[in-house]
């Protein structure tokens, strides 16, 4: 009898424990679903979930699905200081900034393709280009150490909710709840635009030069490297095919602008190196792609009074807010005139479609 009683007690304990665990799971999962941390229910006319995580790969699909914006700028952190409102005034359209930290070309195109899928009548698109577009092994480096959620970029809602069963989703849902209660501010504004660099009033040139000098270009070779026609033709630049495929999906009514961002000269390929030779071929190919699709291609990544001046930068890749505004103004002027900047700030490698 004692053994039967003990078995009954253990069964009751096991059932009670399982029921409690299941109830707790249901409660937490329900909390996550209600808070909707990644904006799975985003749609035109619905309020946006506040952006409470710094991994934009999870946060930005909801901005696209919200239907609030007909224009966007895509790229890495080198485009994140481009003000969407200023872009809208310069190029037309309701802009959002979808620059993602250290985003690979492949990741950028996933976001752009989602935008084109959800917005059939885009007004203006800007693609910020970095040296990663010219890497010969871009197809082997599609992702970074940052998590990328392919389930947020497809049209299958059935595969979304199982992905919420993790501590990250619970943590972000908790932040959303705190935001709703007025206890925590959103990490990023609802148009994606965040001034992520320090306040410009606190700019310290010596500190900036310390960061700039951490990036020393390799010495020029004794004999300059040149690629002949055969060598140039043999270059495999896989990211450019992704760019061409995406531009082919853009309606002819939309304006498209490609722009190499103005990296400091330390981060630009040094003359005479193989990197510089590959860069020239890459820019030529992107210019051909732009011309084929009627897009403008503006090159700010050149030696100029801007890129040679240390006081314009926080580090080799990130310029100050005043330069960001000059970039937007330059895009407007380049599209309007189709000519290089008189002061050398940019070159127009492909004028826009008439």
Protein backbone atom coordinates (compact mmCIF):
# COMPACT_ATOMS: atom_id res chain seq x y z
CA UNK A 1 0.00 0.00 0.00
CA UNK A 2 2.80 2.38 0.83
CA UNK A 3 4.41 1.84 -2.60
CA UNK A 4 1.07 2.47 -4.36
CA UNK A 5 0.60 5.67 -2.38
CA UNK A 6 4.09 6.83 -3.25
CA UNK A 7 3.48 6.13 -6.95
CA UNK A 8 0.25 8.10 -6.79
CA UNK A 9 2.01 11.04 -5.16
CA UNK A 10 4.75 11.06 -7.77
CA UNK A 11 2.23 10.86 -10.62
CA UNK A 12 0.29 13.76 -9.14
CA UNK A 13 3.51 15.74 -8.75
CA UNK A 14 4.57 14.99 -12.36
CA UNK A 15 1.15 15.95 -13.72
CA UNK A 16 1.08 19.11 -11.62
CA UNK A 17 4.60 20.06 -12.64
CA UNK A 18 3.82 19.49 -16.33
CA UNK A 19 0.61 21.48 -16.08
CA UNK A 20 2.41 24.34 -14.33
CA UNK A 21 5.22 24.34 -16.91
CA UNK A 22 2.70 24.25 -19.77
CA UNK A 23 0.72 27.06 -18.20
CA UNK A 24 3.84 29.16 -17.71
CA UNK A 25 4.90 28.52 -21.29
CA UNK A 26 1.45 29.49 -22.57
CA UNK A 27 1.52 32.65 -20.45
CA UNK A 28 4.95 33.72 -21.67
CA UNK A 29 4.22 32.82 -25.29
CA UNK A 30 0.94 34.72 -25.13
CA UNK A 31 2.80 37.72 -23.73
CA UNK A 32 5.28 37.59 -26.65
CA UNK A 33 2.49 37.26 -29.23
CA UNK A 34 0.55 40.17 -27.74
CA UNK A 35 3.60 42.45 -27.55
CA UNK A 36 4.54 41.43 -31.13
CA UNK A 37 8.27 42.31 -30.67
CA UNK A 38 9.17 41.97 -34.36
CA UNK A 39 6.03 43.50 -35.84
CA UNK A 40 4.60 40.32 -37.36
CA UNK A 41 1.18 41.95 -37.57
CA UNK A 42 2.50 45.11 -39.26
CA UNK A 43 0.23 46.24 -42.09
CA UNK A 44 -1.08 49.48 -43.59
CA UNK A 45 -3.26 51.26 -41.08
CA UNK A 46 -1.93 49.38 -38.05
CA UNK A 47 0.25 51.02 -35.38
CA UNK A 48 3.92 50.07 -35.55
CA UNK A 49 5.56 48.04 -32.81
CA UNK A 50 8.28 50.26 -31.31
CA UNK A 51 11.78 49.27 -32.43
CA UNK A 52 13.31 47.94 -29.22
CA UNK A 53 16.29 45.93 -30.50
CA UNK A 54 19.51 47.10 -32.16
CA UNK A 55 19.69 44.26 -34.73
CA UNK A 56 17.95 46.01 -37.60
CA UNK A 57 17.69 42.71 -39.52
CA UNK A 58 14.83 41.77 -37.18
CA UNK A 59 13.32 45.24 -36.85
CA UNK A 60 13.12 46.70 -40.35
CA UNK A 61 10.79 44.23 -42.16
CA UNK A 62 7.88 45.65 -40.17
CA UNK A 63 8.67 49.16 -41.42
CA UNK A 64 8.31 47.86 -44.96
CA UNK A 65 5.08 45.97 -44.21
CA UNK A 66 3.58 49.02 -42.50
CA UNK A 67 2.97 50.68 -45.88
CA UNK A 68 3.91 54.07 -44.44
CA UNK A 69 6.82 54.67 -46.81
CA UNK A 70 7.11 54.61 -50.59
CA UNK A 71 10.85 55.35 -50.67
CA UNK A 72 13.91 53.95 -48.91
CA UNK A 73 17.66 54.12 -48.63
CA UNK A 74 19.47 50.79 -48.28
CA UNK A 75 23.04 50.12 -47.19
CA UNK A 76 25.24 49.73 -44.14
CA UNK A 77 26.02 52.10 -41.28
CA UNK A 78 27.64 54.41 -43.86
CA UNK A 79 24.14 55.52 -44.97
CA UNK A 80 22.50 55.63 -41.54
CA UNK A 81 23.12 59.38 -41.11
CA UNK A 82 21.19 60.24 -44.29
CA UNK A 83 18.06 61.99 -43.03
CA UNK A 84 14.89 60.47 -44.59
CA UNK A 85 13.04 63.79 -44.46
CA UNK A 86 15.91 65.54 -46.22
CA UNK A 87 16.06 62.73 -48.81
CA UNK A 88 12.33 63.11 -49.40
CA UNK A 89 12.68 66.82 -50.09
CA UNK A 90 15.66 66.24 -52.37
CA UNK A 91 14.49 63.19 -54.34
CA UNK A 92 10.76 62.95 -53.70
CA UNK A 93 8.83 60.39 -51.70
CA UNK A 94 8.24 59.36 -48.08
CA UNK A 95 11.63 57.93 -47.11
CA UNK A 96 12.71 55.50 -44.45
CA UNK A 97 16.35 54.75 -43.68
CA UNK A 98 17.01 50.99 -43.84
CA UNK A 99 20.78 51.10 -43.37
CA UNK A 100 21.88 48.08 -41.31
CA UNK A 101 25.11 47.87 -39.35
CA UNK A 102 27.72 45.84 -41.27
CA UNK A 103 25.04 44.46 -43.60
CA UNK A 104 26.40 42.33 -46.41
CA UNK A 105 25.25 42.99 -49.98
CA UNK A 106 23.15 39.82 -49.82
CA UNK A 107 21.38 40.99 -46.64
CA UNK A 108 20.77 44.42 -48.15
CA UNK A 109 19.15 42.85 -51.21
CA UNK A 110 16.86 40.69 -49.04
CA UNK A 111 15.53 43.89 -47.51
CA UNK A 112 15.27 45.67 -50.87
CA UNK A 113 13.47 42.73 -52.47
CA UNK A 114 11.00 42.62 -49.57
CA UNK A 115 10.38 46.34 -50.08
CA UNK A 116 9.72 45.83 -53.79
CA UNK A 117 7.46 42.89 -53.05
CA UNK A 118 5.32 44.88 -50.62
CA UNK A 119 5.42 48.21 -52.47
CA UNK A 120 4.53 47.92 -56.15
CA UNK A 121 4.67 51.69 -56.74
CA UNK A 122 7.89 52.90 -55.10
CA UNK A 123 8.81 56.55 -55.60
CA UNK A 124 12.57 56.77 -54.91
CA UNK A 125 15.24 54.23 -54.01
CA UNK A 126 18.79 54.95 -52.90
CA UNK A 127 21.41 52.21 -52.60
CA UNK A 128 24.52 53.10 -50.63
CA UNK A 129 27.50 51.10 -51.90
CA UNK A 130 30.61 50.11 -49.97
CA UNK A 131 33.72 48.12 -50.87
CA UNK A 132 31.91 44.89 -49.89
CA UNK A 133 30.06 45.08 -53.20
CA UNK A 134 33.38 44.63 -54.97
CA UNK A 135 34.57 41.59 -53.00
CA UNK A 136 35.34 38.51 -55.04
CA UNK A 137 34.07 36.20 -52.31
CA UNK A 138 30.84 38.04 -51.47
CA UNK A 139 28.86 34.86 -52.14
CA UNK A 140 30.83 33.07 -49.41
CA UNK A 141 30.14 35.89 -46.93
CA UNK A 142 26.40 36.35 -47.22
CA UNK A 143 25.95 36.56 -43.45
CA UNK A 144 27.82 38.01 -40.48
CA UNK A 145 27.99 36.95 -36.84
CA UNK A 146 24.73 38.86 -36.39
CA UNK A 147 21.63 36.68 -36.62
CA UNK A 148 19.58 37.02 -39.82
CA UNK A 149 15.91 35.88 -39.75
CA UNK A 150 14.86 34.58 -43.20
CA UNK A 151 11.39 33.85 -41.79
CA UNK A 152 10.73 37.59 -41.52
CA UNK A 153 11.44 38.05 -45.22
CA UNK A 154 8.99 35.53 -46.67
CA UNK A 155 5.20 35.43 -47.04
CA UNK A 156 4.56 32.37 -44.90
CA UNK A 157 3.05 33.45 -41.55
CA UNK A 158 2.98 29.86 -40.33
CA UNK A 159 6.76 29.78 -39.88
CA UNK A 160 6.89 33.04 -37.91
CA UNK A 161 5.37 32.21 -34.54
CA UNK A 162 7.47 29.11 -33.75
CA UNK A 163 10.51 31.41 -34.10
CA UNK A 164 9.26 33.44 -31.15
CA UNK A 165 9.92 30.62 -28.71
CA UNK A 166 13.26 31.89 -27.40
CA UNK A 167 14.68 34.18 -24.75
CA UNK A 168 15.57 36.94 -27.25
CA UNK A 169 11.95 37.32 -28.31
CA UNK A 170 10.90 37.37 -24.65
CA UNK A 171 13.50 40.02 -23.84
CA UNK A 172 12.46 42.27 -26.74
CA UNK A 173 8.78 41.76 -25.86
CA UNK A 174 9.62 42.90 -22.33
CA UNK A 175 11.20 46.05 -23.71
CA UNK A 176 8.10 46.67 -25.85
CA UNK A 177 5.96 46.39 -22.73
CA UNK A 178 8.20 48.86 -20.87
CA UNK A 179 7.93 51.24 -23.83
CA UNK A 180 4.15 50.97 -23.79
CA UNK A 181 4.24 51.87 -20.10
CA UNK A 182 6.44 54.88 -20.78
CA UNK A 183 9.42 53.38 -18.95
CA UNK A 184 11.78 52.86 -21.89
CA UNK A 185 12.36 54.82 -25.09
CA UNK A 186 12.48 53.14 -28.50
CA UNK A 187 15.94 52.11 -29.66
CA UNK A 188 15.38 53.46 -33.19
CA UNK A 189 12.70 55.92 -34.46
CA UNK A 190 9.86 54.53 -36.65
CA UNK A 191 11.46 55.74 -39.91
CA UNK A 192 14.74 53.95 -39.14
CA UNK A 193 16.73 57.17 -38.81
CA UNK A 194 19.07 57.29 -35.85
CA UNK A 195 22.02 59.60 -35.27
CA UNK A 196 24.20 56.83 -33.86
CA UNK A 197 27.42 58.84 -33.65
CA UNK A 198 28.17 61.11 -30.65
CA UNK A 199 26.75 64.61 -30.47
CA UNK A 200 28.60 66.72 -33.01
CA UNK A 201 29.15 69.37 -30.33
CA UNK A 202 31.43 66.91 -28.52
CA UNK A 203 33.58 66.22 -31.60
CA UNK A 204 37.27 65.74 -30.73
CA UNK A 205 39.62 65.85 -33.72
CA UNK A 206 42.50 64.20 -31.90
CA UNK A 207 40.32 61.32 -30.82
CA UNK A 208 39.00 61.02 -34.38
CA UNK A 209 42.55 60.94 -35.72
CA UNK A 210 43.35 58.15 -33.26
CA UNK A 211 40.54 56.07 -34.80
CA UNK A 212 41.47 57.10 -38.32
CA UNK A 213 45.08 56.05 -37.82
CA UNK A 214 44.04 52.58 -36.72
CA UNK A 215 43.24 51.96 -40.38
CA UNK A 216 46.51 52.20 -42.23
CA UNK A 217 46.43 51.31 -45.94
CA UNK A 218 48.93 48.73 -47.18
CA UNK A 219 52.07 50.16 -48.83
CA UNK A 220 51.93 50.62 -52.58
CA UNK A 221 53.68 47.81 -54.46
CA UNK A 222 56.97 48.50 -56.19
CA UNK A 223 55.28 47.87 -59.51
CA UNK A 224 51.67 49.04 -59.95
CA UNK A 225 49.15 46.24 -60.47
CA UNK A 226 47.15 46.49 -63.65
CA UNK A 227 44.44 44.23 -64.99
CA UNK A 228 44.33 43.76 -68.75
CA UNK A 229 41.05 43.14 -70.54
CA UNK A 230 41.30 39.38 -70.04
CA UNK A 231 42.14 39.74 -66.35
CA UNK A 232 39.30 42.17 -65.81
CA UNK A 233 36.82 39.90 -67.60
CA UNK A 234 37.86 36.98 -65.40
CA UNK A 235 37.02 38.82 -62.16
CA UNK A 236 34.16 37.17 -60.28
CA UNK A 237 32.14 39.82 -58.45
CA UNK A 238 29.01 37.90 -57.36
CA UNK A 239 27.25 40.74 -55.51
CA UNK A 240 26.78 42.67 -58.73
CA UNK A 241 24.46 39.99 -60.10
CA UNK A 242 22.26 40.40 -57.02
CA UNK A 243 22.19 44.15 -57.58
CA UNK A 244 21.21 43.73 -61.22
CA UNK A 245 18.44 41.26 -60.35
CA UNK A 246 16.99 43.66 -57.78
CA UNK A 247 17.12 46.68 -60.09
CA UNK A 248 15.31 44.63 -62.74
CA UNK A 249 12.34 44.45 -60.35
CA UNK A 250 12.07 48.22 -59.88
CA UNK A 251 9.21 49.81 -61.87
CA UNK A 252 10.30 52.27 -64.55
CA UNK A 253 8.32 55.01 -62.80
CA UNK A 254 10.63 54.96 -59.76
CA UNK A 255 13.83 56.96 -59.50
CA UNK A 256 16.86 54.88 -58.52
CA UNK A 257 20.16 56.27 -57.29
CA UNK A 258 23.26 54.23 -56.53
CA UNK A 259 25.98 55.95 -54.55
CA UNK A 260 29.42 54.96 -53.32
CA UNK A 261 29.66 56.46 -49.86
CA UNK A 262 32.47 58.95 -49.05
CA UNK A 263 34.91 56.87 -47.00
CA UNK A 264 37.98 58.65 -45.69
CA UNK A 265 40.97 58.22 -48.03
CA UNK A 266 42.52 55.77 -45.55
CA UNK A 267 39.69 53.35 -46.27
CA UNK A 268 39.84 53.75 -50.04
CA UNK A 269 41.87 51.38 -52.25
CA UNK A 270 45.42 52.68 -52.63
CA UNK A 271 46.66 53.49 -56.14
CA UNK A 272 48.80 50.78 -57.67
CA UNK A 273 47.40 47.92 -55.58
CA UNK A 274 45.37 44.99 -56.87
CA UNK A 275 42.51 46.21 -54.68
CA UNK A 276 42.46 49.49 -56.61
CA UNK A 277 42.53 47.65 -59.94
CA UNK A 278 39.60 45.46 -58.88
CA UNK A 279 37.77 48.53 -57.58
CA UNK A 280 38.04 50.23 -60.98
CA UNK A 281 36.62 47.17 -62.73
CA UNK A 282 33.86 46.93 -60.16
CA UNK A 283 32.83 50.57 -60.54
CA UNK A 284 32.81 50.18 -64.33
CA UNK A 285 30.53 47.15 -64.06
CA UNK A 286 28.17 48.88 -61.64
CA UNK A 287 28.05 51.87 -64.00
CA UNK A 288 26.99 49.50 -66.81
CA UNK A 289 24.31 47.98 -64.58
CA UNK A 290 23.07 51.45 -63.63
CA UNK A 291 22.91 52.58 -67.27
CA UNK A 292 21.06 49.40 -68.27
CA UNK A 293 18.37 50.08 -65.67
CA UNK A 294 18.24 53.86 -66.03
CA UNK A 295 19.66 54.47 -62.56
CA UNK A 296 22.02 57.23 -61.51
CA UNK A 297 25.42 56.23 -60.11
CA UNK A 298 27.20 58.83 -58.00
CA UNK A 299 30.68 58.16 -56.66
CA UNK A 300 31.58 59.95 -53.42
CA UNK A 301 34.32 57.38 -52.66
CA UNK A 302 37.06 59.35 -54.39
CA UNK A 303 39.97 61.48 -53.22
CA UNK A 304 38.45 64.89 -52.65
CA UNK A 305 38.73 67.84 -50.28
CA UNK A 306 36.06 66.10 -48.19
CA UNK A 307 37.57 62.60 -47.97
CA UNK A 308 41.09 63.95 -47.41
CA UNK A 309 40.05 66.13 -44.47
CA UNK A 310 40.27 64.27 -41.15
CA UNK A 311 37.92 66.68 -39.37
CA UNK A 312 35.03 65.42 -41.50
CA UNK A 313 35.17 61.95 -39.91
CA UNK A 314 34.66 60.01 -36.70
CA UNK A 315 36.59 57.05 -38.14
CA UNK A 316 37.56 55.92 -41.66
CA UNK A 317 34.00 54.90 -42.59
CA UNK A 318 31.73 57.24 -40.68
CA UNK A 319 31.47 60.91 -41.56
CA UNK A 320 29.96 63.70 -39.51
CA UNK A 321 26.37 64.87 -39.78
CA UNK A 322 27.29 67.91 -41.90
CA UNK A 323 28.85 65.63 -44.51
CA UNK A 324 25.73 63.45 -44.45
CA UNK A 325 23.66 66.50 -45.37
CA UNK A 326 26.13 67.36 -48.14
CA UNK A 327 25.75 63.82 -49.51
CA UNK A 328 21.98 64.25 -49.76
CA UNK A 329 22.40 67.66 -51.43
CA UNK A 330 24.96 66.11 -53.77
CA UNK A 331 22.57 63.34 -54.77
CA UNK A 332 19.92 65.93 -55.62
CA UNK A 333 22.32 68.03 -57.70
CA UNK A 334 23.90 65.03 -59.42
CA UNK A 335 20.50 63.76 -60.52
CA UNK A 336 19.47 67.22 -61.70
CA UNK A 337 22.63 68.02 -63.68
CA UNK A 338 24.15 64.63 -64.50
CA UNK A 339 27.59 66.21 -64.02
CA UNK A 340 30.49 65.85 -61.59
CA UNK A 341 30.68 68.18 -58.60
CA UNK A 342 32.73 71.32 -59.41
CA UNK A 343 34.60 70.96 -56.11
CA UNK A 344 35.43 67.29 -56.73
CA UNK A 345 33.14 65.94 -53.97
CA UNK A 346 31.60 63.35 -56.29
CA UNK A 347 31.67 62.00 -59.82
CA UNK A 348 28.63 60.99 -61.83
CA UNK A 349 29.47 57.59 -63.32
CA UNK A 350 26.01 57.16 -64.78
CA UNK A 351 23.42 59.94 -65.22
CA UNK A 352 19.82 59.12 -64.39
CA UNK A 353 17.26 58.07 -66.95
CA UNK A 354 15.97 61.20 -68.75
